C-alpha cells in the first residue's frame, strides 16, 4: 500500500504526464496560496485573542481603581479584588495573605472553588513564611511555581501547601508605604496576593504575572487611602472629646462663680479699671429711671490678688429714713464666662478647620490618587507590552490617559493656589479692556472641541456689546469652572447655555444647565471649600470650582448668585459692574 506522500507524488506525476506542466504548476500555486491564507488567518486570530486579553486586563485594573476611588471601605475593595482575579484567571483559589507584626500571618480575604478547603481565617505560625522569602518579597520579587512537587522548596512546605490541594501557585507582594509623623515614608511588606491552581499543575503566563502586579499596586493604594481616612476619623473623635471635657470644666467653674454674687461697698469706684472708670461711675450713680440705665453694665475691677476681673453689675437707690441717698450695687464675677465664650469661639474655629482639613484630605486622597493610579496603570501597560504598540490607536489611548491625569492634577493644584492667594491678598489682578462677546464665543468654540456630542453648547448675547475691564486670566478661570460644572453635572447630556447681557451699568454672565441640580441645604454651603452636594454620587469633583469663581468675581467687585433645583438644573449668574 502506498503512503500518502507517495500517492501525492504519483498523482502529481500522472497530472504532469496527462495535462502538461502548466496545469500542474497552477495546482501547486493554488496549494501555496491556500497555505499562506491559512497561516495569515491563524496569525490574525492569535493577534485578536491577544488584544482581547489585553483589553480585558485593562478593564479589570480600571474597575478595581474605580472602586478604590468610590469607596473608602478596604474590605469591600479586597473582596472584589480576589473575586475578580479568580474569575479572570480561572484559578481554583485566590487569597490575600496578611503578615502581622508578630511574624504570624492569615488569609483575610479568599475566593475558593469547591471541593477545595478554605484557608480564610486560619492563623499560620512564623515558620510557614521563612525569612529568605520575606526578604525577597520585600524587594518586590514575585514567585511562580508550576508544580509544587518539582519546585525547589523545602519538603515541609510542600506538605503544608498540599494539605490545601495546591499544585501550582503565583505569589505577588503587596508593598505599602507607611507615612510617619515625620516627612519620611517607610516601605514594608504588608501582605501577599496569591493565586492557587489545585486541579492540575499550571504554567503561568507573563501577562498573568503582570496583571497580578498591577492589582497588587492598586490594593496598596486602597490600603494607604483607608489608613489615612481612619486616622482622620480618630483625630476628629479626639478633638470632640477634648471640646466636651473642656466645656464641662468651664461650665462647672462658671456655676461656682455665679453662685456667689459680689456686693460691693462704698469703695467700689476705687476698684474699677481706669479705662472703665468714667462710664461705670456715671451708670452706677445715676438714679434717674431709664431703660438704658436699668440694664447691667460690664467693667473691669481689681481682685484682692491683684489681677483684673470682669464684673457684671446693676445699681438701684436704697430708700430709707436717712436723708442721704444711698445706692446698692449688685454684681457678679463673669470673668470665667467671658473666657468660656472666647474658648467656645476658638474651639468652633478649630472644629471648622478640622472639618476643612478632613474634607481636603478626603478630596486629595481621591482626586490625586485616582489620576496617579490611572497614569501608573497606563505606564505599566506601555512598559510591559511594548511589542504590541505598532497599533497606534492603543498607544495613543494610553498616552491620552496619562496626559488627562496630569492635566487633572495641575488644574486641582491651580485651584488650590488661586484660593490661597485670594485669601492672603496675593492673587494678581490686572484688568484690561476686553471684547467680552468675542472672548465668550472663542472660549465656547474651544470647549466644544473637548466635549462629546452628548452635550450641546450654545451662546446668546443681549444688549449693545461694549468693552469691559476684566482680568483675562481670572475670566478664563471663571468660564472654565462654570461650564465644566454645567457639563459634569449633566450626566445625561443636553443643552448647556452661556448667555451674556449688557445693561447700562453692569453686565450679567449666566451659565444654565438641565442637570442634577442642588438641594436648598447644599446651597447654604455652596462657597465652602471642598463641600460637595449629597446627590453627586460617583461624579468626580473637588468642591473648589465655585469657590474659585467667587474669589475671581469678588476681585472684579461683582456678585455671584446660584439658582438651582434638584432634577431641574442650575443657573449661575455673575454680575460685574461696567467701568470706563
Protein backbone atom coordinates (compact mmCIF):
# COMPACT_ATOMS: atom_id res chain seq x y z
CA UNK A 1 0.00 0.00 0.00
CA UNK A 2 1.40 3.39 -0.99
CA UNK A 3 1.85 6.07 1.71
CA UNK A 4 0.01 9.37 1.43
CA UNK A 5 3.18 11.16 0.38
CA UNK A 6 3.93 8.57 -2.32
CA UNK A 7 0.38 8.81 -3.51
CA UNK A 8 0.66 12.60 -3.81
CA UNK A 9 3.88 12.33 -5.82
CA UNK A 10 2.37 9.68 -8.10
CA UNK A 11 -0.75 11.78 -8.53
CA UNK A 12 1.22 14.89 -9.47
CA UNK A 13 3.32 12.82 -11.95
CA UNK A 14 0.19 11.50 -13.64
CA UNK A 15 -1.22 15.02 -13.90
CA UNK A 16 2.01 16.29 -15.41
CA UNK A 17 2.08 13.43 -17.90
CA UNK A 18 -1.56 13.93 -18.91
CA UNK A 19 -2.15 17.69 -18.84
CA UNK A 20 1.25 19.11 -19.04
CA UNK A 21 3.50 21.20 -16.88
CA UNK A 22 1.24 24.31 -16.91
CA UNK A 23 -1.74 22.71 -15.22
CA UNK A 24 0.46 21.07 -12.59
CA UNK A 25 2.14 24.36 -11.75
CA UNK A 26 -1.26 26.03 -11.39
CA UNK A 27 -2.38 23.44 -8.87
CA UNK A 28 0.84 23.82 -6.88
CA UNK A 29 0.38 27.58 -6.92
CA UNK A 30 -3.16 27.26 -5.60
CA UNK A 31 -1.95 24.96 -2.83
CA UNK A 32 0.72 27.52 -1.88
CA UNK A 33 -1.80 30.37 -1.80
CA UNK A 34 -4.14 28.27 0.36
CA UNK A 35 -1.30 27.59 2.80
CA UNK A 36 -0.37 31.27 3.06
CA UNK A 37 -4.01 32.30 3.61
CA UNK A 38 -4.42 29.74 6.37
CA UNK A 39 -1.24 30.98 8.01
CA UNK A 40 -2.41 34.61 7.91
CA UNK A 41 -5.81 33.65 9.33
CA UNK A 42 -4.15 31.84 12.24
CA UNK A 43 -1.84 34.80 12.90
CA UNK A 44 -4.77 37.21 12.88
CA UNK A 45 -6.78 35.00 15.23
CA UNK A 46 -3.84 34.86 17.64
CA UNK A 47 -3.47 38.66 17.47
CA UNK A 48 -7.19 39.16 18.13
CA UNK A 49 -7.06 36.83 21.13
CA UNK A 50 -4.00 38.69 22.45
CA UNK A 51 -5.67 42.08 22.04
CA UNK A 52 -8.86 40.82 23.66
CA UNK A 53 -6.91 39.55 26.65
CA UNK A 54 -5.06 42.87 26.87
CA UNK A 55 -8.35 44.82 26.77
CA UNK A 56 -9.86 42.57 29.45
CA UNK A 57 -6.81 43.12 31.68
CA UNK A 58 -7.04 46.88 31.28
CA UNK A 59 -10.77 46.76 32.07
CA UNK A 60 -10.16 44.74 35.24
CA UNK A 61 -7.43 47.12 36.52
CA UNK A 62 -9.63 50.14 35.71
CA UNK A 63 -12.58 48.54 37.53
CA UNK A 64 -10.54 47.98 40.70
CA UNK A 65 -9.10 51.53 40.52
CA UNK A 66 -12.62 52.96 40.08
CA UNK A 67 -13.88 51.10 43.12
CA UNK A 68 -10.94 52.40 45.18
CA UNK A 69 -11.95 55.91 44.16
CA UNK A 70 -15.61 55.43 45.01
CA UNK A 71 -15.23 53.58 48.32
CA UNK A 72 -13.13 54.01 51.45
CA UNK A 73 -14.19 50.54 52.66
CA UNK A 74 -10.98 48.49 52.39
CA UNK A 75 -12.71 45.13 52.98
CA UNK A 76 -15.03 45.75 50.03
CA UNK A 77 -12.09 46.55 47.72
CA UNK A 78 -10.14 43.46 48.82
CA UNK A 79 -13.17 41.17 48.45
CA UNK A 80 -13.81 42.46 44.92
CA UNK A 81 -10.14 42.00 44.00
CA UNK A 82 -9.93 38.32 44.94
CA UNK A 83 -13.29 37.55 43.31
CA UNK A 84 -12.40 39.27 40.02
CA UNK A 85 -8.90 37.73 39.85
CA UNK A 86 -10.33 34.23 40.37
CA UNK A 87 -12.90 34.80 37.65
CA UNK A 88 -10.41 36.33 35.20
CA UNK A 89 -7.53 33.86 35.65
CA UNK A 90 -9.83 30.84 36.06
CA UNK A 91 -7.90 29.55 39.07
CA UNK A 92 -9.19 27.45 41.95
CA UNK A 93 -8.33 29.83 44.78
CA UNK A 94 -7.29 33.49 45.20
CA UNK A 95 -6.50 34.96 48.60
CA UNK A 96 -4.93 37.97 50.26
CA UNK A 97 -2.45 36.88 52.93
CA UNK A 98 -1.83 39.44 55.69
CA UNK A 99 1.51 39.49 57.53
CA UNK A 100 1.23 40.56 61.18
CA UNK A 101 3.82 42.30 63.33
CA UNK A 102 4.49 39.18 65.46
CA UNK A 103 5.58 37.17 62.42
CA UNK A 104 2.36 35.21 62.02
CA UNK A 105 0.03 35.50 59.05
CA UNK A 106 -3.53 34.76 57.98
CA UNK A 107 -5.77 34.87 54.93
CA UNK A 108 -8.09 37.87 55.39
CA UNK A 109 -9.97 37.52 52.07
CA UNK A 110 -10.46 34.48 49.87
CA UNK A 111 -12.39 33.15 46.91
CA UNK A 112 -12.17 29.35 46.50
CA UNK A 113 -13.98 26.84 44.30
CA UNK A 114 -15.39 23.60 45.71
CA UNK A 115 -14.35 20.97 46.69
CA UNK A 116 -11.09 22.60 47.86
CA UNK A 117 -10.81 23.63 51.54
CA UNK A 118 -10.91 27.22 52.78
CA UNK A 119 -7.80 28.98 54.05
CA UNK A 120 -9.72 32.04 55.26
CA UNK A 121 -9.43 32.82 58.98
CA UNK A 122 -6.64 30.34 59.76
CA UNK A 123 -3.58 31.78 61.53
CA UNK A 124 -0.23 30.38 60.42
CA UNK A 125 2.97 30.41 62.51
CA UNK A 126 6.15 32.25 61.58
CA UNK A 127 7.79 29.03 60.31
CA UNK A 128 5.37 28.90 57.36
CA UNK A 129 6.94 32.08 55.97
CA UNK A 130 10.79 31.80 56.13
CA UNK A 131 12.93 34.95 56.40
CA UNK A 132 14.52 34.49 52.98
CA UNK A 133 11.05 34.56 51.39
CA UNK A 134 10.17 37.69 53.39
CA UNK A 135 13.31 39.48 52.21
CA UNK A 136 12.73 38.56 48.56
CA UNK A 137 9.08 39.69 48.62
CA UNK A 138 10.05 42.93 50.42
CA UNK A 139 12.19 43.79 47.40
CA UNK A 140 9.16 43.38 45.11
CA UNK A 141 10.05 39.96 43.69
CA UNK A 142 7.28 37.60 42.57
CA UNK A 143 7.25 33.79 42.77
CA UNK A 144 5.74 31.39 40.24
CA UNK A 145 5.55 27.66 40.94
CA UNK A 146 4.36 25.43 38.10
CA UNK A 147 4.36 22.20 40.12
CA UNK A 148 4.92 22.18 43.90
CA UNK A 149 6.33 18.64 43.81
CA UNK A 150 9.02 19.60 41.31
CA UNK A 151 9.81 23.09 42.64
CA UNK A 152 12.91 23.91 44.68
CA UNK A 153 11.16 24.35 48.03
CA UNK A 154 11.52 22.67 51.39
CA UNK A 155 9.70 19.31 51.77
CA UNK A 156 7.86 20.53 54.86
CA UNK A 157 6.44 23.48 52.90
CA UNK A 158 5.42 21.11 50.08
CA UNK A 159 3.45 19.01 52.55
CA UNK A 160 1.95 22.18 54.02
CA UNK A 161 0.53 23.54 50.73
CA UNK A 162 -0.59 20.07 49.57
CA UNK A 163 -2.97 19.83 52.53
CA UNK A 164 -4.93 22.65 50.84
CA UNK A 165 -4.78 20.86 47.46
CA UNK A 166 -2.29 23.29 45.90
CA UNK A 167 -0.43 22.04 42.81
CA UNK A 168 0.72 25.39 41.36
CA UNK A 169 0.75 28.93 42.72
CA UNK A 170 1.55 32.52 41.82
CA UNK A 171 2.58 34.95 44.60
CA UNK A 172 2.87 38.75 44.26
CA UNK A 173 3.90 41.05 47.17
CA UNK A 174 1.77 43.98 48.39
CA UNK A 175 4.24 46.75 49.31
CA UNK A 176 2.79 49.52 51.49
CA UNK A 177 4.29 52.95 52.18
CA UNK A 178 3.58 53.94 55.76
CA UNK A 179 3.92 57.69 56.33
CA UNK A 180 5.10 58.55 59.83
CA UNK A 181 4.63 61.84 61.66
CA UNK A 182 7.92 62.93 60.10
CA UNK A 183 8.18 63.62 56.38
CA UNK A 184 9.83 60.25 55.71
CA UNK A 185 7.88 57.24 54.48
CA UNK A 186 8.76 53.63 55.24
CA UNK A 187 8.00 50.84 52.75
CA UNK A 188 7.26 47.43 54.17
CA UNK A 189 5.73 44.11 53.12
CA UNK A 190 2.05 44.42 54.06
CA UNK A 191 0.93 41.08 52.62
CA UNK A 192 0.67 38.87 49.55
CA UNK A 193 -1.76 38.44 46.66
CA UNK A 194 -1.79 34.68 45.94
CA UNK A 195 -3.39 32.54 43.20
CA UNK A 196 -3.64 28.73 43.61
CA UNK A 197 -4.26 26.11 40.94
CA UNK A 198 -5.39 22.94 42.72
CA UNK A 199 -6.79 20.77 39.93
CA UNK A 200 -3.56 20.42 37.91
CA UNK A 201 -0.03 21.84 37.56
CA UNK A 202 -0.07 25.13 35.66
CA UNK A 203 2.44 27.08 33.61
CA UNK A 204 1.91 30.76 34.50
CA UNK A 205 1.97 33.22 31.61
CA UNK A 206 3.92 36.51 31.72
CA UNK A 207 0.77 38.58 31.31
CA UNK A 208 -0.79 36.83 34.31
CA UNK A 209 2.16 37.87 36.49
CA UNK A 210 1.94 41.46 35.16
CA UNK A 211 -1.79 41.60 35.90
CA UNK A 212 -1.26 40.42 39.47
CA UNK A 213 1.48 43.05 39.95
CA UNK A 214 -0.79 45.83 38.71
CA UNK A 215 -3.62 44.73 41.01
CA UNK A 216 -1.22 44.49 43.98
CA UNK A 217 -0.29 48.13 43.32
CA UNK A 218 -3.98 49.10 43.35
CA UNK A 219 -4.50 47.20 46.62
CA UNK A 220 -1.57 49.10 48.19
CA UNK A 221 -3.21 52.40 47.14
CA UNK A 222 -6.51 51.30 48.73
CA UNK A 223 -4.72 50.36 51.97
CA UNK A 224 -2.99 53.73 52.27
CA UNK A 225 -6.22 55.58 51.45
CA UNK A 226 -8.15 53.61 54.09
CA UNK A 227 -5.49 54.19 56.77
CA UNK A 228 -5.47 57.93 56.07
CA UNK A 229 -9.25 58.11 56.42
CA UNK A 230 -9.13 56.13 59.69
CA UNK A 231 -6.50 58.49 61.12
CA UNK A 232 -8.64 61.50 60.25
CA UNK A 233 -11.67 59.92 61.94
CA UNK A 234 -9.62 59.30 65.09
CA UNK A 235 -8.38 62.89 65.14
CA UNK A 236 -11.94 64.18 64.85
CA UNK A 237 -13.11 61.93 67.68
CA UNK A 238 -10.27 63.06 69.95
CA UNK A 239 -10.99 66.70 69.17
CA UNK A 240 -14.68 66.33 70.00
CA UNK A 241 -13.83 64.63 73.32
CA UNK A 242 -11.44 67.45 74.25
CA UNK A 243 -14.13 70.03 73.42
CA UNK A 244 -16.71 68.23 75.56
CA UNK A 245 -14.33 67.83 78.52
CA UNK A 246 -13.20 71.44 78.48
CA UNK A 247 -16.78 72.69 78.09
CA UNK A 248 -17.86 70.66 81.13
CA UNK A 249 -14.96 72.04 83.20
CA UNK A 250 -15.72 75.63 82.27
CA UNK A 251 -19.42 75.22 82.98
CA UNK A 252 -18.60 73.90 86.44
CA UNK A 253 -16.34 76.89 87.10
CA UNK A 254 -18.98 79.32 85.88
CA UNK A 255 -21.66 77.72 88.03
CA UNK A 256 -19.39 78.11 91.05
CA UNK A 257 -18.76 81.80 90.37
CA UNK A 258 -22.40 82.56 89.63
CA UNK A 259 -23.49 81.14 92.97
CA UNK A 260 -21.62 83.96 94.68
CA UNK A 261 -22.86 87.47 93.99
CA UNK A 262 -20.47 90.16 94.94
CA UNK A 263 -21.94 93.05 96.94
CA UNK A 264 -19.61 96.00 96.70
CA UNK A 265 -19.46 98.69 99.39
CA UNK A 266 -18.92 102.40 99.12
CA UNK A 267 -15.36 101.95 97.79
CA UNK A 268 -16.50 100.20 94.57
CA UNK A 269 -15.23 103.05 92.39
CA UNK A 270 -11.73 102.67 93.76
CA UNK A 271 -11.51 99.11 92.34
CA UNK A 272 -12.66 99.95 88.79
CA UNK A 273 -10.12 99.90 85.98
CA UNK A 274 -9.07 103.46 84.99
CA UNK A 275 -10.23 102.96 81.38
CA UNK A 276 -13.73 101.93 82.58
CA UNK A 277 -13.96 104.42 85.48
CA UNK A 278 -15.92 107.28 83.89
CA UNK A 279 -18.70 105.31 82.23
CA UNK A 280 -19.01 102.93 85.20
CA UNK A 281 -19.36 105.75 87.71
CA UNK A 282 -21.99 107.52 85.60
CA UNK A 283 -24.05 104.38 85.14
CA UNK A 284 -23.89 103.21 88.75
CA UNK A 285 -24.58 106.56 90.39
CA UNK A 286 -27.32 107.79 88.04
CA UNK A 287 -30.67 107.37 89.82
CA UNK A 288 -32.89 108.73 87.02
CA UNK A 289 -35.17 105.91 85.75
CA UNK A 290 -34.17 104.88 82.22
CA UNK A 291 -34.34 101.60 80.23
CA UNK A 292 -30.71 102.11 79.26
CA UNK A 293 -29.60 102.52 82.87
CA UNK A 294 -31.54 99.52 84.18
CA UNK A 295 -29.51 97.12 82.02
CA UNK A 296 -26.41 95.55 83.61
CA UNK A 297 -23.03 97.08 82.91
CA UNK A 298 -19.75 95.23 82.47
CA UNK A 299 -16.46 96.64 83.73
CA UNK A 300 -13.05 95.53 84.94
CA UNK A 301 -12.13 95.67 88.62
CA UNK A 302 -9.08 94.76 90.63
CA UNK A 303 -9.30 91.49 92.56
CA UNK A 304 -7.80 91.14 96.01
CA UNK A 305 -4.98 89.08 94.48
CA UNK A 306 -4.09 92.00 92.23
CA UNK A 307 -5.49 90.58 88.96
CA UNK A 308 -8.14 92.26 86.83
CA UNK A 309 -11.54 90.57 86.72
CA UNK A 310 -14.72 91.35 84.80
CA UNK A 311 -17.89 92.22 86.71
CA UNK A 312 -21.48 92.45 85.58
CA UNK A 313 -23.27 94.95 87.85
CA UNK A 314 -26.56 96.75 88.28
CA UNK A 315 -27.34 99.57 90.75
CA UNK A 316 -30.50 100.80 92.44
CA UNK A 317 -31.22 103.51 95.03
CA UNK A 318 -31.74 102.45 98.63
CA UNK A 319 -34.70 104.26 100.17
CA UNK A 320 -34.94 104.68 103.98
CA UNK A 321 -35.49 107.41 106.52
CA UNK A 322 -31.98 108.76 106.10
CA UNK A 323 -31.80 111.95 104.09
CA UNK A 324 -28.58 110.90 102.34
CA UNK A 325 -29.17 108.96 99.09
CA UNK A 326 -27.62 105.51 99.16
CA UNK A 327 -27.02 103.22 96.17
CA UNK A 328 -26.71 99.47 96.31
CA UNK A 329 -24.65 97.82 93.61
CA UNK A 330 -25.19 94.10 92.96
CA UNK A 331 -22.52 92.48 90.84
CA UNK A 332 -21.23 89.08 89.86
CA UNK A 333 -17.92 87.91 88.50
CA UNK A 334 -18.30 86.87 84.85
CA UNK A 335 -14.58 86.51 84.05
CA UNK A 336 -14.80 82.77 83.50
CA UNK A 337 -17.96 83.14 81.47
CA UNK A 338 -16.17 85.58 79.17
CA UNK A 339 -13.24 83.21 78.86
CA UNK A 340 -15.61 80.35 78.13
CA UNK A 341 -17.17 82.37 75.33
CA UNK A 342 -13.75 83.09 73.84
CA UNK A 343 -12.71 79.45 74.16
CA UNK A 344 -16.00 78.32 72.65
CA UNK A 345 -15.43 80.55 69.62
CA UNK A 346 -11.84 79.30 69.34
CA UNK A 347 -12.99 75.69 69.56
CA UNK A 348 -15.63 76.30 66.91
CA UNK A 349 -12.98 77.76 64.62
CA UNK A 350 -10.71 74.80 65.39
CA UNK A 351 -13.52 72.37 64.67
CA UNK A 352 -14.30 74.13 61.38
CA UNK A 353 -10.62 73.97 60.49
CA UNK A 354 -10.52 70.27 61.36
CA UNK A 355 -13.60 69.61 59.21
CA UNK A 356 -12.00 71.58 56.39
CA UNK A 357 -8.81 69.54 56.71
CA UNK A 358 -10.85 66.32 56.75
CA UNK A 359 -12.64 67.29 53.54
CA UNK A 360 -9.33 68.32 51.99
CA UNK A 361 -7.58 65.03 52.81
CA UNK A 362 -10.60 63.03 51.68
CA UNK A 363 -10.72 65.01 48.43
CA UNK A 364 -6.94 64.77 47.93
CA UNK A 365 -6.88 61.02 48.53
CA UNK A 366 -9.48 60.63 45.74
CA UNK A 367 -8.56 63.37 43.30
CA UNK A 368 -4.77 62.90 43.49
CA UNK A 369 -4.58 59.12 43.81
CA UNK A 370 -7.14 58.37 41.10
CA UNK A 371 -5.24 60.11 38.26
CA UNK A 372 -1.95 58.84 39.69
CA UNK A 373 -3.19 55.25 39.68
CA UNK A 374 -4.61 55.72 36.18
CA UNK A 375 -1.30 57.12 34.90
CA UNK A 376 0.61 54.34 36.67
CA UNK A 377 -1.57 51.62 35.16
CA UNK A 378 -1.26 53.14 31.67
CA UNK A 379 2.50 53.47 32.05
CA UNK A 380 2.78 49.84 33.15
CA UNK A 381 0.79 48.75 30.10
CA UNK A 382 3.10 50.77 27.83
CA UNK A 383 6.18 49.30 29.51
CA UNK A 384 5.18 45.65 29.67
CA UNK A 385 3.53 45.36 26.27
CA UNK A 386 5.94 47.34 24.10
CA UNK A 387 5.91 44.69 21.34
CA UNK A 388 2.24 45.34 20.67
CA UNK A 389 2.49 49.11 20.25
CA UNK A 390 2.67 49.03 16.48
CA UNK A 391 -1.07 49.54 16.91
CA UNK A 392 -1.08 53.34 17.17
CA UNK A 393 -4.68 53.59 18.43
CA UNK A 394 -3.99 51.68 21.66
CA UNK A 395 -0.72 53.52 22.20
CA UNK A 396 -2.37 56.92 21.81
CA UNK A 397 -5.24 55.89 24.10
CA UNK A 398 -2.87 55.08 26.97
CA UNK A 399 -0.81 58.22 26.35
CA UNK A 400 -4.01 60.31 26.48
CA UNK A 401 -4.87 58.68 29.82
CA UNK A 402 -1.54 59.82 31.25
CA UNK A 403 -1.92 63.32 29.78
CA UNK A 404 -5.51 63.71 31.08
CA UNK A 405 -4.44 62.55 34.55
CA UNK A 406 -1.60 65.07 34.68
CA UNK A 407 -3.87 67.89 33.44
CA UNK A 408 -6.42 66.99 36.11
CA UNK A 409 -3.83 67.22 38.90
CA UNK A 410 -2.40 70.50 37.53
CA UNK A 411 -5.90 72.04 37.43
CA UNK A 412 -6.54 70.90 41.00
CA UNK A 413 -3.29 72.48 42.22
CA UNK A 414 -4.08 75.70 40.30
CA UNK A 415 -7.50 75.93 42.02
CA UNK A 416 -5.96 75.44 45.48
CA UNK A 417 -3.25 78.06 44.76
CA UNK A 418 -5.86 80.53 43.45
CA UNK A 419 -7.92 80.22 46.64
CA UNK A 420 -4.85 80.52 48.86
CA UNK A 421 -3.59 83.62 47.04
CA UNK A 422 -7.03 85.22 47.19
CA UNK A 423 -7.29 84.54 50.95
CA UNK A 424 -3.85 86.11 51.57
CA UNK A 425 -4.45 89.06 49.21
CA UNK A 426 -1.71 87.93 46.81
CA UNK A 427 -3.87 86.96 43.82
CA UNK A 428 -2.73 89.02 40.82
CA UNK A 429 -5.44 91.29 39.36
CA UNK A 430 -4.70 93.04 36.06
CA UNK A 431 -7.94 94.22 34.40
CA UNK A 432 -7.72 95.33 30.76
CA UNK A 433 -10.39 96.41 28.24
CA UNK A 434 -11.76 93.25 26.64
CA UNK A 435 -14.27 92.41 23.91
CA UNK A 436 -16.26 90.09 26.14
CA UNK A 437 -18.71 88.85 23.49
CA UNK A 438 -15.91 87.77 21.14
CA UNK A 439 -13.98 86.20 24.00
CA UNK A 440 -17.00 84.13 25.11
CA UNK A 441 -17.64 82.90 21.57
CA UNK A 442 -14.00 81.85 21.11
CA UNK A 443 -13.91 80.16 24.52
CA UNK A 444 -17.09 78.22 23.76
CA UNK A 445 -15.61 77.02 20.45
CA UNK A 446 -12.57 75.80 22.38
CA UNK A 447 -14.79 73.94 24.86
CA UNK A 448 -16.74 72.24 22.06
CA UNK A 449 -13.56 70.52 20.86
CA UNK A 450 -13.20 68.65 24.17
CA UNK A 451 -16.91 67.92 24.75
CA UNK A 452 -18.61 64.93 23.19
CA UNK A 453 -21.74 65.02 21.08
CA UNK A 454 -23.83 64.29 24.18
CA UNK A 455 -23.74 67.97 25.22
CA UNK A 456 -24.83 70.92 23.07
CA UNK A 457 -23.10 74.22 23.99
CA UNK A 458 -24.99 77.37 22.93
CA UNK A 459 -24.34 81.12 23.29
CA UNK A 460 -26.62 84.17 23.31
CA UNK A 461 -25.85 87.87 23.74
CA UNK A 462 -28.31 90.68 24.55
CA UNK A 463 -27.77 94.42 24.59
CA UNK A 464 -25.10 96.54 22.94
CA UNK A 465 -21.68 94.92 23.27
CA UNK A 466 -19.07 97.19 24.86
CA UNK A 467 -15.50 96.75 26.08
CA UNK A 468 -15.33 95.56 29.69
CA UNK A 469 -12.32 95.93 32.02
CA UNK A 470 -11.61 92.35 33.14
CA UNK A 471 -8.62 90.24 34.09
CA UNK A 472 -8.41 87.78 31.18
CA UNK A 473 -6.74 85.06 33.26
CA UNK A 474 -9.38 85.25 36.00
CA UNK A 475 -12.17 85.43 33.40
CA UNK A 476 -10.89 82.23 31.81
CA UNK A 477 -10.88 80.54 35.22
CA UNK A 478 -14.48 81.66 35.85
CA UNK A 479 -15.79 80.45 32.48
CA UNK A 480 -13.84 77.18 32.67
CA UNK A 481 -15.18 76.27 36.12
CA UNK A 482 -18.79 77.32 35.42
CA UNK A 483 -19.03 75.49 32.07
CA UNK A 484 -17.13 72.43 33.33
CA UNK A 485 -19.53 72.14 36.28
CA UNK A 486 -22.56 72.52 33.99
CA UNK A 487 -21.27 69.75 31.70
CA UNK A 488 -20.08 67.46 34.50
CA UNK A 489 -23.32 67.65 36.49
CA UNK A 490 -25.44 66.99 33.38
CA UNK A 491 -24.52 63.29 33.01
CA UNK A 492 -27.47 62.65 30.69
CA UNK A 493 -26.28 65.36 28.31
CA UNK A 494 -28.45 68.11 26.89
CA UNK A 495 -28.12 71.87 26.29
CA UNK A 496 -25.66 74.00 28.28
CA UNK A 497 -26.28 77.67 27.56
CA UNK A 498 -23.82 80.55 28.09
CA UNK A 499 -25.58 83.93 27.90
CA UNK A 500 -24.27 87.48 28.10
CA UNK A 501 -26.38 90.58 28.79
CA UNK A 502 -25.11 94.17 28.65
CA UNK A 503 -27.06 96.70 30.74
CA UNK A 504 -26.45 100.38 31.29
CA UNK A 505 -24.21 99.99 34.34
CA UNK A 506 -23.42 96.29 34.54
CA UNK A 507 -23.05 93.09 32.57
CA UNK A 508 -24.58 89.71 33.53
CA UNK A 509 -22.92 86.43 32.62
CA UNK A 510 -25.13 83.33 33.02
CA UNK A 511 -24.44 79.60 32.64
CA UNK A 512 -27.52 77.38 32.60
CA UNK A 513 -27.82 73.59 32.52
CA UNK A 514 -30.54 70.97 32.90
CA UNK A 515 -28.54 68.63 35.13
CA UNK A 516 -29.00 67.08 38.55
CA UNK A 517 -29.38 70.39 40.41
CA UNK A 518 -28.73 71.09 44.12
CA UNK A 519 -30.83 70.95 47.26
CA UNK A 520 -31.51 74.06 49.37
CA UNK A 521 -29.40 72.59 52.18
CA UNK A 522 -26.37 72.17 49.91
CA UNK A 523 -26.80 75.69 48.52
CA UNK A 524 -26.17 77.12 52.01
CA UNK A 525 -22.61 75.71 51.89
CA UNK A 526 -22.09 76.38 48.21
CA UNK A 527 -18.96 78.52 48.57
CA UNK A 528 -17.24 76.49 51.29
CA UNK A 529 -14.01 74.82 50.07
CA UNK A 530 -14.24 71.06 49.35
CA UNK A 531 -18.01 70.91 50.04
CA UNK A 532 -19.98 68.87 47.51
CA UNK A 533 -23.68 68.14 47.16
CA UNK A 534 -25.14 64.95 48.56
CA UNK A 535 -26.61 63.94 45.19
CA UNK A 536 -23.36 63.95 43.16
CA UNK A 537 -22.94 60.20 43.76
CA UNK A 538 -19.91 58.98 41.77
CA UNK A 539 -19.43 62.13 39.66
CA UNK A 540 -15.78 63.17 40.22
CA UNK A 541 -15.03 66.62 41.61
CA UNK A 542 -13.18 68.62 44.27
CA UNK A 543 -15.69 71.12 45.64
CA UNK A 544 -13.40 74.02 44.64
CA UNK A 545 -14.87 75.25 41.35
CA UNK A 546 -17.46 77.73 42.67
CA UNK A 547 -15.07 78.86 45.43
CA UNK A 548 -12.53 79.84 42.76
CA UNK A 549 -15.25 81.59 40.73
CA UNK A 550 -16.39 83.63 43.75
CA UNK A 551 -12.82 84.74 44.54
CA UNK A 552 -12.39 85.92 40.94
CA UNK A 553 -15.79 87.68 40.95
CA UNK A 554 -15.00 89.43 44.25
CA UNK A 555 -11.81 90.90 42.79
CA UNK A 556 -13.93 92.40 39.98
CA UNK A 557 -16.28 93.89 42.67
CA UNK A 558 -19.06 91.75 41.30
CA UNK A 559 -21.57 89.26 42.71
CA UNK A 560 -22.49 85.65 42.01
CA UNK A 561 -25.89 84.09 42.54
CA UNK A 562 -26.91 80.44 42.07
CA UNK A 563 -30.45 79.29 41.31
CA UNK A 564 -30.90 75.54 41.44
CA UNK A 565 -33.50 72.82 41.94
CA UNK A 566 -32.92 69.09 42.25
CA UNK A 567 -33.70 67.28 39.00
CA UNK A 568 -34.39 70.54 37.12
CA UNK A 569 -30.99 72.15 36.69
CA UNK A 570 -28.79 75.03 37.80
CA UNK A 571 -28.25 78.62 36.69
CA UNK A 572 -25.18 80.60 37.81
CA UNK A 573 -25.46 84.40 37.44
CA UNK A 574 -22.30 86.54 37.58
CA UNK A 575 -22.87 90.30 37.71
CA UNK A 576 -19.92 92.67 37.18
CA UNK A 577 -20.21 96.48 37.15
CA UNK A 578 -19.15 98.24 33.94
CA UNK A 579 -16.31 100.74 34.23
CA UNK A 580 -14.58 103.10 31.89
